[in-house]
N, C-alpha and C. Protein backbone atom coordinates (compact mmCIF):
# COMPACT_ATOMS: atom_id res chain seq x y z
N UNK A 1 0.90 -1.12 -0.08
CA UNK A 1 -0.07 0.00 -0.05
C UNK A 1 0.76 1.20 -0.09
N UNK A 2 0.57 2.16 -0.94
CA UNK A 2 1.13 3.52 -0.90
C UNK A 2 1.08 4.31 0.29
N UNK A 3 2.33 4.52 0.98
CA UNK A 3 2.54 5.16 2.17
C UNK A 3 3.49 6.57 1.92
N UNK A 4 3.00 7.73 2.30
CA UNK A 4 3.61 9.08 2.14
C UNK A 4 3.94 9.34 3.51
N UNK A 5 5.25 9.99 3.71
CA UNK A 5 5.82 10.51 4.95
C UNK A 5 5.98 11.92 4.60
N UNK A 6 5.63 12.82 5.59
CA UNK A 6 5.98 14.32 5.61
C UNK A 6 6.67 14.65 6.80
N UNK A 7 8.04 14.99 6.61
CA UNK A 7 8.79 15.18 7.68
C UNK A 7 8.38 16.70 8.39
N UNK A 8 8.74 17.01 9.45
CA UNK A 8 8.52 18.21 10.19
C UNK A 8 7.51 18.02 11.07
N UNK A 9 6.53 18.94 11.19
CA UNK A 9 5.73 19.04 12.08
C UNK A 9 4.54 19.90 11.36
N UNK A 10 3.10 19.36 11.69
CA UNK A 10 2.16 19.99 11.19
C UNK A 10 1.78 21.37 12.14
N UNK A 11 1.72 22.53 11.26
CA UNK A 11 1.40 23.74 11.80
C UNK A 11 0.10 24.39 11.26
N UNK A 12 -0.84 24.88 12.19
CA UNK A 12 -2.04 25.35 11.41
C UNK A 12 -1.72 26.69 10.92
N UNK A 13 -2.13 26.75 9.69
CA UNK A 13 -1.54 28.13 8.89
C UNK A 13 -2.63 28.34 7.96
N UNK A 14 -2.86 29.70 7.63
CA UNK A 14 -3.96 30.20 6.94
C UNK A 14 -3.20 30.46 5.49
N UNK A 15 -2.05 30.28 5.36
CA UNK A 15 -1.21 30.49 4.20
C UNK A 15 0.11 29.95 3.98
N UNK A 16 0.47 29.89 2.83
CA UNK A 16 1.89 29.38 2.47
C UNK A 16 2.06 27.91 2.68
N UNK A 17 3.40 27.65 2.63
CA UNK A 17 3.47 26.19 2.52
C UNK A 17 3.02 25.28 3.69
N UNK A 18 2.76 25.76 4.87
CA UNK A 18 2.04 24.88 5.95
C UNK A 18 0.76 24.56 5.40
N UNK A 19 -0.12 25.55 4.86
CA UNK A 19 -1.52 25.33 4.57
C UNK A 19 -1.39 24.28 3.31
N UNK A 20 -0.65 24.46 2.43
CA UNK A 20 -0.37 23.66 1.17
C UNK A 20 -0.10 22.13 1.75
N UNK A 21 0.72 22.18 2.64
CA UNK A 21 1.31 20.68 3.31
C UNK A 21 -0.11 20.12 4.06
N UNK A 22 -0.83 20.85 4.84
CA UNK A 22 -1.60 20.41 5.61
C UNK A 22 -3.06 19.80 4.33
N UNK A 23 -3.18 20.83 3.53
CA UNK A 23 -4.27 20.38 2.62
C UNK A 23 -3.81 19.08 1.74
N UNK A 24 -2.51 19.13 1.34
CA UNK A 24 -2.04 17.97 0.60
C UNK A 24 -2.23 16.64 1.40
N UNK A 25 -1.84 16.76 2.82
CA UNK A 25 -2.17 15.34 3.64
C UNK A 25 -3.62 15.03 3.74
N UNK A 26 -4.42 16.32 3.97
CA UNK A 26 -6.00 15.87 4.03
C UNK A 26 -6.51 15.10 2.84
N UNK A 27 -6.12 15.58 1.71
CA UNK A 27 -6.64 14.89 0.57
C UNK A 27 -6.26 13.44 0.31
N UNK A 28 -4.97 13.42 0.61
CA UNK A 28 -4.52 12.15 0.37
C UNK A 28 -5.06 11.11 1.45
N UNK A 29 -5.25 11.60 2.65
CA UNK A 29 -5.99 10.71 3.63
C UNK A 29 -7.69 10.36 3.43
N UNK A 30 -8.14 11.46 2.68
CA UNK A 30 -9.37 11.27 2.22
C UNK A 30 -9.51 10.42 0.93
N UNK A 31 -8.61 10.17 0.26
CA UNK A 31 -8.26 9.13 -0.84
C UNK A 31 -7.67 7.70 -0.36
N UNK A 32 -7.73 7.64 0.87
CA UNK A 32 -7.27 6.40 1.27
C UNK A 32 -5.85 6.07 1.22
N UNK A 33 -4.99 6.99 1.15
CA UNK A 33 -3.41 6.97 1.14
C UNK A 33 -2.83 7.12 2.44
N UNK A 34 -2.24 6.15 3.12
CA UNK A 34 -1.57 6.16 4.29
C UNK A 34 -0.66 7.35 4.17
N UNK A 35 -0.86 8.13 5.31
CA UNK A 35 -0.02 9.32 5.53
C UNK A 35 0.60 9.23 7.06
N UNK A 36 1.77 9.47 6.88
CA UNK A 36 2.74 9.48 8.35
C UNK A 36 3.03 10.87 8.40
N UNK A 37 2.70 11.66 9.24
CA UNK A 37 2.70 13.07 9.36
C UNK A 37 3.88 13.32 10.46
N UNK A 38 5.00 13.96 10.26
CA UNK A 38 5.58 14.39 11.18
C UNK A 38 6.84 13.59 11.52
N UNK A 39 7.68 14.46 12.44
CA UNK A 39 9.06 13.70 12.84
C UNK A 39 9.99 13.75 11.92
N UNK A 40 11.44 13.49 12.18
CA UNK A 40 12.52 13.47 11.47
C UNK A 40 13.18 12.17 11.06
N UNK A 41 12.63 11.21 11.77
CA UNK A 41 13.40 10.01 11.56
C UNK A 41 12.37 9.14 10.59
N UNK A 42 12.95 8.81 9.41
CA UNK A 42 12.10 8.18 8.29
C UNK A 42 11.54 6.81 8.57
N UNK A 43 10.28 6.36 8.25
CA UNK A 43 9.77 5.14 8.26
C UNK A 43 10.37 4.52 7.17
N UNK A 44 10.79 3.45 7.17
CA UNK A 44 11.29 2.35 6.04
C UNK A 44 10.34 2.30 5.01
N UNK A 45 10.72 2.48 3.68
CA UNK A 45 9.96 2.13 2.46
C UNK A 45 8.96 3.13 2.16
N UNK A 46 8.57 4.15 2.98
CA UNK A 46 7.69 5.19 2.56
C UNK A 46 8.30 6.17 1.49
N UNK A 47 7.44 6.87 1.05
CA UNK A 47 7.89 8.23 -0.05
C UNK A 47 7.92 9.23 0.82
N UNK A 48 8.96 9.87 0.88
CA UNK A 48 9.13 11.07 1.75
C UNK A 48 8.76 12.45 0.67
N UNK A 49 8.07 13.04 1.32
CA UNK A 49 7.31 14.29 0.46
C UNK A 49 7.89 15.37 1.38
N UNK A 50 8.92 16.22 1.01
CA UNK A 50 9.10 17.38 1.84
C UNK A 50 8.46 18.67 1.10
N UNK A 51 7.95 19.30 1.95
CA UNK A 51 7.01 20.51 1.44
C UNK A 51 7.79 21.74 2.04
N UNK A 52 8.34 22.72 1.00
CA UNK A 52 8.88 23.96 1.73
C UNK A 52 9.94 24.48 0.82
N UNK A 53 10.91 25.28 1.45
CA UNK A 53 11.86 25.94 0.96
C UNK A 53 13.22 25.44 1.05
N UNK A 54 13.92 24.97 0.15
CA UNK A 54 15.04 24.32 0.21
C UNK A 54 16.27 25.11 0.64
N UNK A 55 16.15 26.10 1.49
CA UNK A 55 17.29 26.89 1.82
C UNK A 55 18.43 26.03 2.65
N UNK A 56 19.60 26.35 2.52
CA UNK A 56 20.76 25.61 3.14
C UNK A 56 20.70 25.69 4.79
N UNK A 57 19.88 26.56 5.45
CA UNK A 57 19.76 26.80 6.93
C UNK A 57 19.62 25.42 7.40
N UNK A 58 19.87 25.29 8.57
CA UNK A 58 19.93 23.69 9.21
C UNK A 58 18.45 23.34 9.67
N UNK A 59 17.79 24.30 9.80
CA UNK A 59 16.14 24.16 10.27
C UNK A 59 15.51 23.71 8.88
N UNK A 60 15.76 24.08 7.83
CA UNK A 60 15.16 24.00 6.65
C UNK A 60 15.38 22.65 6.15
N UNK A 61 16.72 22.35 6.34
CA UNK A 61 17.35 20.88 5.80
C UNK A 61 16.97 19.93 6.82
N UNK A 62 16.46 19.91 8.00
CA UNK A 62 15.60 18.98 8.75
C UNK A 62 14.65 18.42 7.89
N UNK A 63 13.84 19.33 7.36
CA UNK A 63 12.47 18.86 6.56
C UNK A 63 13.04 18.67 5.37
N UNK A 64 13.78 19.25 4.61
CA UNK A 64 14.14 19.03 3.13
C UNK A 64 15.08 17.94 2.65
N UNK A 65 16.17 17.53 3.72
CA UNK A 65 17.00 16.54 3.06
C UNK A 65 16.61 15.17 3.12
N UNK A 66 16.85 14.40 2.03
CA UNK A 66 16.52 12.88 1.88
C UNK A 66 17.03 12.31 2.99
N UNK A 67 16.01 11.28 3.74
CA UNK A 67 16.48 10.53 4.85
C UNK A 67 16.61 9.22 4.37
N UNK A 68 17.56 8.57 5.12
CA UNK A 68 17.83 7.12 4.91
C UNK A 68 16.61 6.24 5.19
N UNK A 69 16.53 5.26 4.05
CA UNK A 69 15.38 4.35 4.34
C UNK A 69 14.22 4.52 3.52
N UNK A 70 14.08 5.81 3.01
CA UNK A 70 12.66 6.06 2.34
C UNK A 70 12.96 5.40 0.95
N UNK A 71 11.73 4.97 0.30
CA UNK A 71 11.86 4.35 -1.15
C UNK A 71 12.29 5.42 -2.16
N UNK A 72 11.48 6.48 -2.04
CA UNK A 72 11.71 7.71 -2.95
C UNK A 72 11.47 9.09 -2.13
N UNK A 73 11.93 10.18 -2.61
CA UNK A 73 11.99 11.38 -1.92
C UNK A 73 11.60 12.35 -3.05
N UNK A 74 10.68 13.15 -2.64
CA UNK A 74 10.02 14.14 -3.56
C UNK A 74 10.12 15.50 -2.85
N UNK A 75 10.70 16.58 -3.66
CA UNK A 75 10.69 18.05 -3.03
C UNK A 75 9.55 18.67 -3.73
N UNK A 76 8.83 19.37 -2.86
CA UNK A 76 7.64 20.06 -3.19
C UNK A 76 7.87 21.71 -3.00
N UNK A 77 8.05 22.43 -3.89
CA UNK A 77 8.38 24.01 -3.68
C UNK A 77 7.86 24.75 -4.65
N UNK A 78 7.84 26.05 -4.45
CA UNK A 78 7.56 26.89 -5.62
C UNK A 78 8.64 28.15 -5.34
N UNK A 79 8.58 28.95 -6.53
CA UNK A 79 9.47 30.11 -6.55
C UNK A 79 8.95 31.15 -7.44
N UNK A 80 8.48 32.27 -6.98
CA UNK A 80 7.79 33.26 -7.70
C UNK A 80 8.67 34.27 -8.45
N UNK A 81 9.74 34.03 -8.85
CA UNK A 81 10.69 34.91 -9.64
C UNK A 81 11.30 34.22 -10.77
N UNK A 82 11.93 35.24 -11.59
CA UNK A 82 12.69 34.51 -12.71
C UNK A 82 14.10 34.07 -12.29
N UNK A 83 14.52 34.50 -11.36
CA UNK A 83 15.94 33.98 -10.74
C UNK A 83 15.55 32.94 -9.41
N UNK A 84 15.95 31.83 -9.19
CA UNK A 84 15.94 30.87 -8.30
C UNK A 84 17.12 31.31 -7.50
N UNK A 85 17.01 31.18 -5.89
CA UNK A 85 17.90 31.59 -5.12
C UNK A 85 19.00 30.45 -5.14
N UNK A 86 20.22 30.92 -5.04
CA UNK A 86 21.69 29.83 -5.31
C UNK A 86 21.29 28.70 -4.31
N UNK A 87 21.45 27.56 -4.86
CA UNK A 87 21.33 26.48 -4.10
C UNK A 87 19.96 25.74 -4.01
N UNK A 88 18.92 26.42 -4.51
CA UNK A 88 17.67 25.64 -4.49
C UNK A 88 17.57 24.56 -5.42
N UNK A 89 17.99 24.80 -6.80
CA UNK A 89 18.03 23.65 -7.80
C UNK A 89 19.10 22.63 -7.27
N UNK A 90 20.16 23.06 -6.75
CA UNK A 90 21.18 22.03 -6.44
C UNK A 90 20.73 20.87 -5.43
N UNK A 91 19.90 21.66 -4.43
CA UNK A 91 19.22 20.61 -3.46
C UNK A 91 18.38 19.70 -3.94
N UNK A 92 18.02 19.59 -5.05
CA UNK A 92 17.28 18.52 -5.69
C UNK A 92 17.96 17.17 -6.16
N UNK A 93 19.44 17.33 -6.20
CA UNK A 93 20.23 16.35 -6.44
C UNK A 93 19.83 15.01 -5.58
N UNK A 94 19.33 15.31 -4.25
CA UNK A 94 19.06 14.38 -3.56
C UNK A 94 17.59 13.73 -3.51
N UNK A 95 16.86 14.34 -4.23
CA UNK A 95 15.38 13.94 -4.50
C UNK A 95 15.04 13.14 -5.84
N UNK A 96 14.09 12.35 -5.90
CA UNK A 96 13.79 11.41 -7.11
C UNK A 96 12.92 12.51 -7.82
N UNK A 97 12.34 13.49 -7.57
CA UNK A 97 11.33 14.22 -8.22
C UNK A 97 10.95 15.60 -7.49
N UNK A 98 10.60 16.66 -8.51
CA UNK A 98 10.48 18.10 -8.02
C UNK A 98 8.79 18.22 -8.41
N UNK A 99 8.10 18.64 -7.53
CA UNK A 99 6.77 19.06 -7.71
C UNK A 99 6.55 20.46 -7.17
N UNK A 100 6.05 21.19 -8.49
CA UNK A 100 5.85 22.64 -8.04
C UNK A 100 4.57 22.91 -8.53
N UNK A 101 3.89 24.16 -8.52
CA UNK A 101 2.60 24.58 -8.52
C UNK A 101 2.19 25.11 -9.89
N UNK A 102 3.13 25.53 -10.69
CA UNK A 102 2.68 26.05 -12.06
C UNK A 102 3.84 25.72 -13.13
N UNK A 103 3.07 26.05 -14.41
CA UNK A 103 4.21 25.89 -15.65
C UNK A 103 5.34 26.88 -15.33
N UNK A 104 5.10 28.25 -14.90
CA UNK A 104 6.29 29.09 -14.63
C UNK A 104 7.25 28.59 -13.69
N UNK A 105 6.72 28.03 -12.49
CA UNK A 105 7.75 27.40 -11.66
C UNK A 105 8.57 26.35 -12.27
N UNK A 106 7.79 25.32 -12.90
CA UNK A 106 8.17 23.96 -13.49
C UNK A 106 9.51 24.49 -14.64
N UNK A 107 9.19 25.42 -15.44
CA UNK A 107 10.20 25.88 -16.36
C UNK A 107 11.39 26.49 -15.87
N UNK A 108 11.17 27.30 -14.77
CA UNK A 108 12.35 27.68 -14.14
C UNK A 108 13.31 26.74 -13.48
N UNK A 109 12.60 25.70 -12.78
CA UNK A 109 13.45 24.58 -12.33
C UNK A 109 13.94 23.78 -13.48
N UNK A 110 13.34 23.54 -14.39
CA UNK A 110 13.84 22.72 -15.55
C UNK A 110 15.03 23.46 -16.21
N UNK A 111 14.81 24.58 -16.16
CA UNK A 111 16.08 25.40 -16.95
C UNK A 111 17.28 25.21 -15.99
N UNK A 112 17.08 25.63 -14.64
CA UNK A 112 18.30 25.26 -13.85
C UNK A 112 18.90 23.93 -13.69
N UNK A 113 18.00 22.89 -13.60
CA UNK A 113 18.35 21.62 -13.58
C UNK A 113 19.21 21.41 -14.83
N UNK A 114 18.84 21.98 -16.05
CA UNK A 114 19.56 21.60 -17.22
C UNK A 114 21.03 22.23 -17.13
N UNK A 115 21.07 23.48 -16.75
CA UNK A 115 22.35 24.26 -16.58
C UNK A 115 23.09 23.32 -15.63
N UNK A 116 22.56 22.78 -14.52
CA UNK A 116 23.48 22.05 -13.64
C UNK A 116 23.81 20.64 -14.11
N UNK A 117 23.17 20.27 -15.00
CA UNK A 117 23.23 18.75 -15.64
C UNK A 117 22.61 17.75 -14.98
N UNK A 118 21.58 18.03 -14.11
CA UNK A 118 20.80 17.04 -13.46
C UNK A 118 19.61 16.83 -14.08
N UNK A 119 19.18 15.47 -14.02
CA UNK A 119 17.88 15.12 -14.76
C UNK A 119 16.87 14.81 -13.49
N UNK A 120 16.24 15.79 -13.24
CA UNK A 120 14.69 15.35 -12.18
C UNK A 120 13.79 15.46 -12.81
N UNK A 121 12.75 14.45 -12.93
CA UNK A 121 11.30 14.42 -13.16
C UNK A 121 10.65 15.91 -12.65
N UNK A 122 10.12 16.78 -13.35
CA UNK A 122 9.59 17.84 -12.55
C UNK A 122 8.09 17.99 -13.04
N UNK A 123 7.04 17.85 -12.14
CA UNK A 123 5.74 17.90 -12.33
C UNK A 123 4.96 19.07 -11.65
N UNK A 124 3.69 19.24 -12.42
CA UNK A 124 3.16 20.43 -11.79
C UNK A 124 1.79 19.75 -11.02
N UNK A 125 1.80 20.32 -9.65
CA UNK A 125 0.77 19.89 -8.85
C UNK A 125 0.02 21.15 -8.36
N UNK A 126 -0.97 21.51 -9.15
CA UNK A 126 -1.75 22.79 -8.77
C UNK A 126 -2.34 22.86 -7.33
N UNK A 127 -1.89 23.95 -6.51
CA UNK A 127 -2.56 23.93 -5.38
C UNK A 127 -4.00 24.07 -5.19
N UNK A 128 -4.81 24.51 -6.40
CA UNK A 128 -6.11 24.56 -6.13
C UNK A 128 -6.65 25.72 -5.18
N UNK A 129 -7.96 25.63 -5.22
CA UNK A 129 -8.49 26.58 -4.39
C UNK A 129 -9.55 26.06 -3.30
N UNK A 130 -9.34 26.20 -1.96
CA UNK A 130 -10.31 25.70 -0.92
C UNK A 130 -11.66 26.41 -1.12
N UNK A 131 -12.56 25.91 -1.60
CA UNK A 131 -13.77 26.90 -1.62
C UNK A 131 -14.53 26.86 -0.56
N UNK A 132 -14.19 26.13 0.49
CA UNK A 132 -14.73 26.23 2.09
C UNK A 132 -14.08 27.58 2.35
N UNK A 133 -12.95 27.95 2.21
CA UNK A 133 -12.41 29.13 2.78
C UNK A 133 -12.34 30.15 1.89
N UNK A 134 -12.48 30.11 0.57
CA UNK A 134 -12.52 31.07 -0.53
C UNK A 134 -13.70 30.74 -1.50
N UNK A 135 -15.05 30.92 -0.82
CA UNK A 135 -16.17 30.65 -1.69
C UNK A 135 -16.34 31.69 -2.82
N UNK A 136 -16.64 31.11 -4.08
CA UNK A 136 -16.77 31.88 -5.36
C UNK A 136 -18.10 33.10 -4.86
N UNK A 137 -17.71 34.05 -5.22
CA UNK A 137 -18.59 35.24 -4.91
C UNK A 137 -19.17 35.94 -6.37
N UNK A 138 -20.32 36.30 -6.58
CA UNK A 138 -20.42 37.18 -7.84
C UNK A 138 -19.96 38.55 -7.50
N UNK A 139 -19.22 39.03 -8.73
CA UNK A 139 -18.96 40.39 -8.44
C UNK A 139 -19.03 41.15 -9.79
N UNK A 140 -19.72 42.35 -9.61
CA UNK A 140 -19.99 43.16 -10.77
C UNK A 140 -18.62 43.45 -11.54
N UNK A 141 -18.85 43.60 -12.67
CA UNK A 141 -17.83 44.26 -13.84
C UNK A 141 -16.95 45.25 -13.10
N UNK A 142 -15.78 45.21 -13.00
CA UNK A 142 -14.76 46.13 -12.17
C UNK A 142 -14.05 47.14 -13.28
N UNK A 143 -13.59 48.34 -12.75
CA UNK A 143 -12.69 49.08 -13.78
C UNK A 143 -13.57 50.50 -13.76
N UNK A 144 -14.35 50.68 -12.89
CA UNK A 144 -15.02 52.11 -13.22
C UNK A 144 -14.20 52.92 -11.95
N UNK A 145 -14.51 54.25 -11.95
CA UNK A 145 -14.24 55.10 -11.06
C UNK A 145 -14.65 54.77 -9.65
N UNK A 146 -15.99 54.39 -9.56
CA UNK A 146 -16.55 53.94 -8.41
C UNK A 146 -16.07 52.60 -7.92
N UNK A 147 -15.81 51.57 -8.96
CA UNK A 147 -15.64 50.19 -8.70
C UNK A 147 -14.42 49.79 -9.61
N UNK A 148 -13.27 50.21 -8.67
CA UNK A 148 -11.86 50.01 -9.25
C UNK A 148 -11.58 48.43 -9.60
N UNK A 149 -10.78 48.12 -10.60
CA UNK A 149 -10.33 46.95 -10.43
C UNK A 149 -9.17 46.62 -9.62
N UNK A 150 -9.24 45.53 -8.91
CA UNK A 150 -8.30 45.46 -7.66
C UNK A 150 -7.06 44.34 -8.14
N UNK A 151 -5.90 44.76 -7.79
CA UNK A 151 -4.84 43.90 -7.81
C UNK A 151 -4.57 43.71 -6.53
N UNK A 152 -4.01 42.42 -6.20
CA UNK A 152 -3.50 42.09 -4.84
C UNK A 152 -2.24 41.28 -4.83
N UNK A 153 -1.39 41.70 -3.96
CA UNK A 153 -0.14 41.18 -3.71
C UNK A 153 -0.09 40.74 -2.14
N UNK A 154 0.22 39.33 -1.83
CA UNK A 154 0.64 39.09 -0.59
C UNK A 154 1.80 38.37 -0.38
N UNK A 155 2.28 38.42 0.68
CA UNK A 155 3.57 37.72 0.98
C UNK A 155 3.97 37.84 2.48
N UNK A 156 5.35 37.21 2.87
CA UNK A 156 5.60 37.33 4.35
C UNK A 156 6.32 38.81 4.82
N UNK A 157 6.98 39.23 3.62
CA UNK A 157 7.89 40.44 3.63
C UNK A 157 7.78 41.09 2.33
N UNK A 158 7.80 42.59 2.08
CA UNK A 158 7.56 43.29 0.84
C UNK A 158 9.18 43.09 0.24
N UNK A 159 10.19 42.78 0.87
CA UNK A 159 11.56 42.73 0.50
C UNK A 159 11.88 41.25 0.21
N UNK A 160 10.93 40.44 0.50
CA UNK A 160 11.28 38.86 0.13
C UNK A 160 11.25 38.62 -1.42
N UNK A 161 11.37 37.35 -1.77
CA UNK A 161 11.68 36.79 -2.85
C UNK A 161 10.16 37.18 -3.87
N UNK A 162 9.12 37.37 -3.33
CA UNK A 162 7.96 37.82 -4.01
C UNK A 162 7.94 39.30 -4.73
N UNK A 163 9.09 39.95 -4.11
CA UNK A 163 9.43 41.13 -4.52
C UNK A 163 8.21 42.24 -4.48
N UNK A 164 7.59 42.24 -3.28
CA UNK A 164 6.61 43.19 -2.96
C UNK A 164 6.82 44.64 -3.37
N UNK A 165 7.97 45.27 -3.04
CA UNK A 165 8.36 46.49 -3.22
C UNK A 165 8.28 46.70 -4.76
N UNK A 166 8.85 45.78 -5.55
CA UNK A 166 9.01 46.11 -6.93
C UNK A 166 7.30 46.05 -7.63
N UNK A 167 6.54 45.39 -7.17
CA UNK A 167 5.05 45.25 -7.46
C UNK A 167 4.59 46.68 -7.24
N UNK A 168 4.89 47.40 -6.20
CA UNK A 168 4.33 48.54 -5.75
C UNK A 168 4.70 49.54 -6.63
N UNK A 169 6.16 49.55 -7.01
CA UNK A 169 6.77 50.47 -7.86
C UNK A 169 6.29 50.55 -9.14
N UNK A 170 6.19 49.27 -9.72
CA UNK A 170 5.70 49.11 -11.33
C UNK A 170 4.30 49.77 -11.37
N UNK A 171 3.40 49.32 -10.21
CA UNK A 171 1.96 49.75 -10.19
C UNK A 171 1.97 51.20 -10.36
N UNK A 172 2.67 51.90 -9.50
CA UNK A 172 2.74 53.23 -9.52
C UNK A 172 3.24 53.81 -10.77
N UNK A 173 4.25 53.41 -11.43
CA UNK A 173 4.60 53.83 -12.85
C UNK A 173 3.51 53.44 -13.87
N UNK A 174 2.96 52.30 -13.81
CA UNK A 174 1.99 52.07 -14.88
C UNK A 174 0.72 53.14 -14.72
N UNK A 175 0.39 53.62 -13.64
CA UNK A 175 -0.62 54.41 -13.40
C UNK A 175 -2.03 54.04 -14.10
N UNK A 176 -2.42 53.04 -14.21
CA UNK A 176 -3.48 52.58 -14.65
C UNK A 176 -4.82 53.00 -14.08
N UNK A 177 -5.80 53.63 -15.18
CA UNK A 177 -7.00 54.26 -14.65
C UNK A 177 -7.90 53.14 -14.03
N UNK A 178 -8.67 53.66 -12.88
CA UNK A 178 -9.50 52.89 -12.29
C UNK A 178 -9.29 51.70 -11.88
N UNK A 179 -7.94 51.60 -11.25
CA UNK A 179 -7.40 50.30 -10.61
C UNK A 179 -6.87 50.82 -9.10
N UNK A 180 -6.67 49.77 -8.39
CA UNK A 180 -5.96 50.03 -7.18
C UNK A 180 -5.07 48.52 -6.82
N UNK A 181 -4.27 48.85 -5.89
CA UNK A 181 -3.37 47.88 -5.35
C UNK A 181 -3.47 47.47 -3.89
N UNK A 182 -3.90 46.31 -3.57
CA UNK A 182 -3.75 46.05 -2.02
C UNK A 182 -2.61 45.28 -1.87
N UNK A 183 -1.82 45.43 -0.85
CA UNK A 183 -0.59 44.76 -0.32
C UNK A 183 -0.84 44.30 0.86
N UNK A 184 -0.72 42.99 1.01
CA UNK A 184 -0.90 42.53 2.49
C UNK A 184 0.38 41.50 2.82
N UNK A 185 0.85 41.73 3.90
CA UNK A 185 1.98 41.08 4.25
C UNK A 185 1.99 40.92 5.77
N UNK A 186 2.63 39.72 6.43
CA UNK A 186 2.83 39.75 7.72
C UNK A 186 4.04 40.16 8.29
N UNK A 187 4.07 40.78 9.36
CA UNK A 187 5.35 41.49 9.93
C UNK A 187 6.29 40.55 10.47
N UNK A 188 6.91 39.40 9.64
CA UNK A 188 7.77 38.59 9.94
C UNK A 188 8.82 38.47 9.03
N UNK A 189 9.90 37.85 9.51
CA UNK A 189 11.09 37.95 8.64
C UNK A 189 11.03 36.75 7.82
N UNK A 190 11.33 36.99 6.59
CA UNK A 190 11.35 35.99 5.44
C UNK A 190 12.83 36.10 4.72
N UNK A 191 13.06 35.11 4.31
CA UNK A 191 14.67 35.06 3.69
C UNK A 191 14.51 36.11 2.28
N UNK A 192 15.50 36.96 2.43
CA UNK A 192 15.48 38.06 1.25
C UNK A 192 15.65 37.49 0.01
N UNK A 193 15.43 38.29 -1.02
CA UNK A 193 15.62 37.91 -2.48
C UNK A 193 16.95 38.19 -2.64
N UNK A 194 17.80 37.07 -3.22
CA UNK A 194 19.18 37.10 -3.58
C UNK A 194 19.93 37.38 -2.24
């Protein structure tokens, strides 16, 4: 029987990798997949699924690095920039596959893998939308003075890899009529871009 092991620990979260990890575990369990959640000692013959950011920092490596005894190891991550942080692509040497959330991310990782001369199957596993948390809503057509079209940026820190400061700067320069930009971030430290 298929057995997936998610190293680390479950953290209740409304956004980011923790939410993605928890939703992935829930959907696997609902579909009859045996899931072992947590810890850092790998159960033998399971498939390790490491969800997160493959930074070289030791706290991240506890979750990210391939553990002895696993049958296969999959790295699940995203990157929302044209430049992948140094070391991210190299960290996939230890994994049997790369799962990411979009064609953009997949193409960036495939390009980096090619430059490094490593062959890692890269697949797109879309995050989807939890309609229980984000129900569809009817909205009238936007783009008028009284009802502007809204752009939204969300991240941990405007200076992190999602380049929030750059989004604000470009939005101001574009000066699009009947639009607005909402920037939402958490006042926490996030690894800086570059």
